[in-house]
C-alpha atoms as a PDB file:
ATOM      1  CA  MET A   1      34.423   1.840  43.787  1.00  0.00           C
ATOM      2  CA  LYS A   2      31.212  -0.217  43.924  1.00  0.00           C
ATOM      3  CA  LEU A   3      29.198   2.907  44.686  1.00  0.00           C
ATOM      4  CA  LYS A   4      30.624   4.730  41.648  1.00  0.00           C
ATOM      5  CA  LEU A   5      29.870   1.739  39.436  1.00  0.00           C
ATOM      6  CA  LEU A   6      26.314   1.567  40.770  1.00  0.00           C
ATOM      7  CA  ILE A   7      25.763   5.306  40.169  1.00  0.00           C
ATOM      8  CA  LEU A   8      27.172   4.967  36.653  1.00  0.00           C
ATOM      9  CA  LEU A   9      24.888   2.025  35.867  1.00  0.00           C
ATOM     10  CA  LEU A  10      21.827   3.816  37.238  1.00  0.00           C
ATOM     11  CA  THR A  11      22.654   6.937  35.213  1.00  0.00           C
ATOM     12  CA  LEU A  12      23.088   4.930  32.016  1.00  0.00           C
ATOM     13  CA  ALA A  13      19.853   3.041  32.654  1.00  0.00           C
ATOM     14  CA  SER A  14      17.879   6.252  33.126  1.00  0.00           C
ATOM     15  CA  ILE A  15      19.410   7.840  30.006  1.00  0.00           C
ATOM     16  CA  SER A  16      18.681   4.772  27.871  1.00  0.00           C
ATOM     17  CA  ASN A  17      15.129   4.589  29.234  1.00  0.00           C
ATOM     18  CA  VAL A  18      14.528   8.230  28.219  1.00  0.00           C
ATOM     19  CA  ALA A  19      15.966   7.538  24.755  1.00  0.00           C
ATOM     20  CA  PHE A  20      13.653   4.576  24.179  1.00  0.00           C
ATOM     21  CA  THR A  21      10.503   6.313  25.443  1.00  0.00           C
ATOM     22  CA  ALA A  22      11.137   9.724  23.877  1.00  0.00           C
ATOM     23  CA  PRO A  23       8.356  10.882  21.546  1.00  0.00           C
ATOM     24  CA  HIS A  24       8.917  11.030  17.812  1.00  0.00           C
ATOM     25  CA  PRO A  25      10.778  14.287  16.970  1.00  0.00           C
ATOM     26  CA  GLU A  26       8.134  15.334  14.408  1.00  0.00           C
ATOM     27  CA  LEU A  27       5.240  14.782  16.844  1.00  0.00           C
ATOM     28  CA  LYS A  28       5.451  18.387  18.102  1.00  0.00           C
ATOM     29  CA  ALA A  29       3.802  19.570  14.866  1.00  0.00           C
ATOM     30  CA  PHE A  30       0.558  17.711  15.647  1.00  0.00           C
ATOM     31  CA  PRO A  31      -1.982  19.078  18.141  1.00  0.00           C
ATOM     32  CA  SER A  32      -2.082  17.001  21.328  1.00  0.00           C
ATOM     33  CA  THR A  33      -5.846  17.430  21.675  1.00  0.00           C
ATOM     34  CA  VAL A  34      -8.791  17.783  19.325  1.00  0.00           C
ATOM     35  CA  ALA A  35     -12.341  18.315  20.610  1.00  0.00           C
ATOM     36  CA  ASN A  36     -13.874  15.050  21.880  1.00  0.00           C
ATOM     37  CA  LYS A  37     -11.041  12.972  20.400  1.00  0.00           C
ATOM     38  CA  GLN A  38      -8.057  11.124  21.756  1.00  0.00           C
ATOM     39  CA  ARG A  39      -4.715  11.078  19.954  1.00  0.00           C
ATOM     40  CA  PHE A  40      -3.036   7.790  19.056  1.00  0.00           C
ATOM     41  CA  VAL A  41       0.544   7.747  17.771  1.00  0.00           C
ATOM     42  CA  ILE A  42       2.369   4.983  15.909  1.00  0.00           C
ATOM     43  CA  ALA A  43       6.135   5.371  15.552  1.00  0.00           C
ATOM     44  CA  LEU A  44       7.424   2.874  13.006  1.00  0.00           C
ATOM     45  CA  PRO A  45      10.969   1.494  13.142  1.00  0.00           C
ATOM     46  CA  ALA A  46      13.286   2.540  10.305  1.00  0.00           C
ATOM     47  CA  LYS A  47      13.652  -0.069   7.554  1.00  0.00           C
ATOM     48  CA  PRO A  48      15.321   1.895   4.727  1.00  0.00           C
ATOM     49  CA  GLN A  49      15.860  -1.039   2.352  1.00  0.00           C
ATOM     50  CA  GLU A  50      12.306  -2.363   2.537  1.00  0.00           C
ATOM     51  CA  GLU A  51       9.968   0.563   3.301  1.00  0.00           C
ATOM     52  CA  SER A  52       8.797   0.745  -0.319  1.00  0.00           C
ATOM     53  CA  GLN A  53       7.540  -2.848   0.002  1.00  0.00           C
ATOM     54  CA  LEU A  54       5.649  -2.299   3.265  1.00  0.00           C
ATOM     55  CA  LYS A  55       2.183  -0.961   4.077  1.00  0.00           C
ATOM     56  CA  VAL A  56       0.474  -0.175   7.371  1.00  0.00           C
ATOM     57  CA  GLU A  57      -3.130  -1.224   7.936  1.00  0.00           C
ATOM     58  CA  LEU A  58      -4.953   1.077  10.375  1.00  0.00           C
ATOM     59  CA  ILE A  59      -7.713  -0.707  12.271  1.00  0.00           C
ATOM     60  CA  VAL A  60     -10.086   1.396  14.364  1.00  0.00           C
ATOM     61  CA  GLY A  61     -12.724  -0.030  16.630  1.00  0.00           C
ATOM     62  CA  LYS A  62     -14.109  -0.412  20.100  1.00  0.00           C
ATOM     63  CA  THR A  63     -14.966  -3.197  22.482  1.00  0.00           C
ATOM     64  CA  MET A  64     -18.699  -3.936  22.489  1.00  0.00           C
ATOM     65  CA  GLN A  65     -21.223  -6.457  23.756  1.00  0.00           C
ATOM     66  CA  THR A  66     -22.447  -8.616  20.864  1.00  0.00           C
ATOM     67  CA  ASP A  67     -24.624 -11.688  20.607  1.00  0.00           C
ATOM     68  CA  GLY A  68     -21.669 -13.854  19.516  1.00  0.00           C
ATOM     69  CA  VAL A  69     -23.447 -15.086  16.404  1.00  0.00           C
ATOM     70  CA  ASN A  70     -23.822 -12.121  14.068  1.00  0.00           C
ATOM     71  CA  HIS A  71     -20.994 -10.239  12.399  1.00  0.00           C
ATOM     72  CA  TYR A  72     -20.761  -6.619  13.626  1.00  0.00           C
ATOM     73  CA  TRP A  73     -18.930  -3.639  12.128  1.00  0.00           C
ATOM     74  CA  LEU A  74     -18.763   0.088  12.785  1.00  0.00           C
ATOM     75  CA  LEU A  75     -19.878   2.630  10.202  1.00  0.00           C
ATOM     76  CA  ASN A  76     -17.108   5.126  11.003  1.00  0.00           C
ATOM     77  CA  ASN A  77     -14.792   6.370   8.258  1.00  0.00           C
ATOM     78  CA  ILE A  78     -11.061   6.973   8.534  1.00  0.00           C
ATOM     79  CA  GLU A  79     -10.249  10.238   6.761  1.00  0.00           C
ATOM     80  CA  GLU A  80      -6.775  11.351   5.748  1.00  0.00           C
ATOM     81  CA  LYS A  81      -6.227  15.042   6.459  1.00  0.00           C
ATOM     82  CA  THR A  82      -3.289  17.396   5.947  1.00  0.00           C
ATOM     83  CA  LEU A  83      -1.751  19.355   8.807  1.00  0.00           C
ATOM     84  CA  GLU A  84      -1.955  23.023   7.804  1.00  0.00           C
ATOM     85  CA  GLY A  85       1.428  24.685   7.420  1.00  0.00           C
ATOM     86  CA  TRP A  86       3.349  21.424   7.580  1.00  0.00           C
ATOM     87  CA  GLY A  87       1.933  19.217   4.821  1.00  0.00           C
ATOM     88  CA  TYR A  88       2.022  16.150   7.090  1.00  0.00           C
ATOM     89  CA  SER A  89      -0.816  13.631   6.906  1.00  0.00           C
ATOM     90  CA  TYR A  90      -2.859  12.578   9.894  1.00  0.00           C
ATOM     91  CA  TYR A  91      -6.005  10.493  10.205  1.00  0.00           C
ATOM     92  CA  GLN A  92      -9.304  11.342  11.821  1.00  0.00           C
ATOM     93  CA  ILE A  93     -12.199   9.041  12.642  1.00  0.00           C
ATOM     94  CA  ASP A  94     -15.662  10.555  12.222  1.00  0.00           C
ATOM     95  CA  ASP A  95     -18.006  10.672  15.204  1.00  0.00           C
ATOM     96  CA  SER A  96     -20.621   8.279  13.833  1.00  0.00           C
ATOM     97  CA  ALA A  97     -21.436   5.903  16.675  1.00  0.00           C
ATOM     98  CA  ASN A  98     -23.504   3.628  14.446  1.00  0.00           C
ATOM     99  CA  ALA A  99     -22.866  -0.089  14.164  1.00  0.00           C
ATOM    100  CA  ALA A 100     -24.367  -2.598  11.762  1.00  0.00           C
ATOM    101  CA  SER A 101     -24.698  -6.351  11.885  1.00  0.00           C
ATOM    102  CA  THR A 102     -25.997  -9.376  10.095  1.00  0.00           C
ATOM    103  CA  ARG A 103     -29.438 -10.494  11.260  1.00  0.00           C
ATOM    104  CA  MET A 104     -29.137 -14.176  12.163  1.00  0.00           C
ATOM    105  CA  ALA A 105     -31.089 -15.423  15.159  1.00  0.00           C
ATOM    106  CA  PRO A 106     -28.806 -16.400  18.036  1.00  0.00           C
ATOM    107  CA  LEU A 107     -29.107 -19.771  19.712  1.00  0.00           C
ATOM    108  CA  ILE A 108     -31.439 -19.978  22.695  1.00  0.00           C
ATOM    109  CA  ASN A 109     -28.748 -20.546  25.338  1.00  0.00           C
ATOM    110  CA  HIS A 110     -26.148 -18.317  23.700  1.00  0.00           C
ATOM    111  CA  GLY A 111     -25.344 -15.316  25.928  1.00  0.00           C
ATOM    112  CA  PRO A 112     -23.741 -12.032  24.928  1.00  0.00           C
ATOM    113  CA  ILE A 113     -19.972 -11.808  24.475  1.00  0.00           C
ATOM    114  CA  THR A 114     -17.516  -8.918  24.520  1.00  0.00           C
ATOM    115  CA  GLN A 115     -15.526  -8.460  21.317  1.00  0.00           C
ATOM    116  CA  PHE A 116     -13.511  -5.870  19.411  1.00  0.00           C
ATOM    117  CA  VAL A 117     -15.723  -4.455  16.629  1.00  0.00           C
ATOM    118  CA  THR A 118     -13.958  -2.557  13.833  1.00  0.00           C
ATOM    119  CA  ALA A 119     -14.686  -0.053  11.096  1.00  0.00           C
ATOM    120  CA  ALA A 120     -13.368  -0.578   7.557  1.00  0.00           C
ATOM    121  CA  PRO A 121      -9.550  -0.581   7.780  1.00  0.00           C
ATOM    122  CA  LEU A 122      -7.315   1.776   5.830  1.00  0.00           C
ATOM    123  CA  LEU A 123      -4.056   0.750   4.116  1.00  0.00           C
ATOM    124  CA  ILE A 124      -1.371   3.471   4.070  1.00  0.00           C
ATOM    125  CA  ARG A 125       2.269   3.594   3.044  1.00  0.00           C
ATOM    126  CA  TYR A 126       5.038   2.773   5.500  1.00  0.00           C
ATOM    127  CA  ASN A 127       7.069   5.857   6.448  1.00  0.00           C
ATOM    128  CA  SER A 128       9.333   5.695   9.482  1.00  0.00           C
ATOM    129  CA  ARG A 129      10.375   9.356   9.172  1.00  0.00           C
ATOM    130  CA  LEU A 130       6.985  10.624  10.386  1.00  0.00           C
ATOM    131  CA  PRO A 131       4.692   9.339  13.127  1.00  0.00           C
ATOM    132  CA  ILE A 132       1.268   8.047  12.167  1.00  0.00           C
ATOM    133  CA  VAL A 133      -1.157  10.224  14.135  1.00  0.00           C
ATOM    134  CA  VAL A 134      -4.794   9.178  14.497  1.00  0.00           C
ATOM    135  CA  TYR A 135      -7.518  11.173  16.241  1.00  0.00           C
ATOM    136  CA  ALA A 136     -10.359   8.881  17.320  1.00  0.00           C
ATOM    137  CA  PRO A 137     -13.502   9.451  19.385  1.00  0.00           C
ATOM    138  CA  ILE A 138     -13.234   8.746  23.098  1.00  0.00           C
ATOM    139  CA  GLY A 139     -13.751   5.046  23.792  1.00  0.00           C
ATOM    140  CA  TYR A 140     -12.234   3.878  20.502  1.00  0.00           C
ATOM    141  CA  GLU A 141      -8.968   1.995  20.055  1.00  0.00           C
ATOM    142  CA  VAL A 142      -6.483   2.152  17.188  1.00  0.00           C
ATOM    143  CA  LYS A 143      -4.564  -0.954  16.199  1.00  0.00           C
ATOM    144  CA  TYR A 144      -2.298  -1.574  13.245  1.00  0.00           C
ATOM    145  CA  ARG A 145      -0.745  -4.335  11.203  1.00  0.00           C
ATOM    146  CA  ILE A 146       2.329  -4.256   8.928  1.00  0.00           C
ATOM    147  CA  TRP A 147       1.924  -5.792   5.455  1.00  0.00           C
ATOM    148  CA  SER A 148       4.823  -6.726   3.217  1.00  0.00           C
ATOM    149  CA  ALA A 149       5.045  -7.423  -0.492  1.00  0.00           C
ATOM    150  CA  SER A 150       6.628 -10.542  -1.910  1.00  0.00           C
ATOM    151  CA  GLU A 151      10.057 -10.204  -3.495  1.00  0.00           C
ATOM    152  CA  SER A 152       8.964 -12.074  -6.608  1.00  0.00           C
ATOM    153  CA  LEU A 153       6.673 -10.763  -9.339  1.00  0.00           C
ATOM    154  CA  GLU A 154       4.270 -13.087 -11.094  1.00  0.00           C
ATOM    155  CA  ASN A 155       3.347 -12.843 -14.773  1.00  0.00           C
ATOM    156  CA  ALA A 156      -0.264 -12.389 -15.835  1.00  0.00           C
ATOM    157  CA  ASN A 157      -1.633 -14.560 -18.624  1.00  0.00           C
ATOM    158  CA  LEU A 158      -2.249 -12.888 -21.964  1.00  0.00           C
ATOM    159  CA  GLU A 159      -5.652 -14.044 -23.204  1.00  0.00           C
END
């Protein structure tokens, strides 16, 4: 009896683990590889009542050595593209490896630090029915943040 219960529990655990880690059903439409790029996928949870009030901020960057004083940013662009034959949107980061920074002189005893340096973020609509697919150059990371709108509307002043 205990053995049957153990087998049943192990079977249920493996089935539930597969269900939670299964890829998004629409992901098969997107190519798994693009030349010199890695594919990042964001699967958003369904929120049918509030999706129209949500946005997703895509943040692309890489970890770099900086002086710890100046502000650094990448000059890459995030482009929205359409998947031929499907009409789905995906996002591609250009291959520009250029970075820019402010030009303040660092302190004498201030050593370099490692920090996440980002390109200009992109705000897109929240859609849980499709995965957000981003192709970024090797060595880059893709992060995201969910933004929500307030329930109340404010009136503008007529002047």
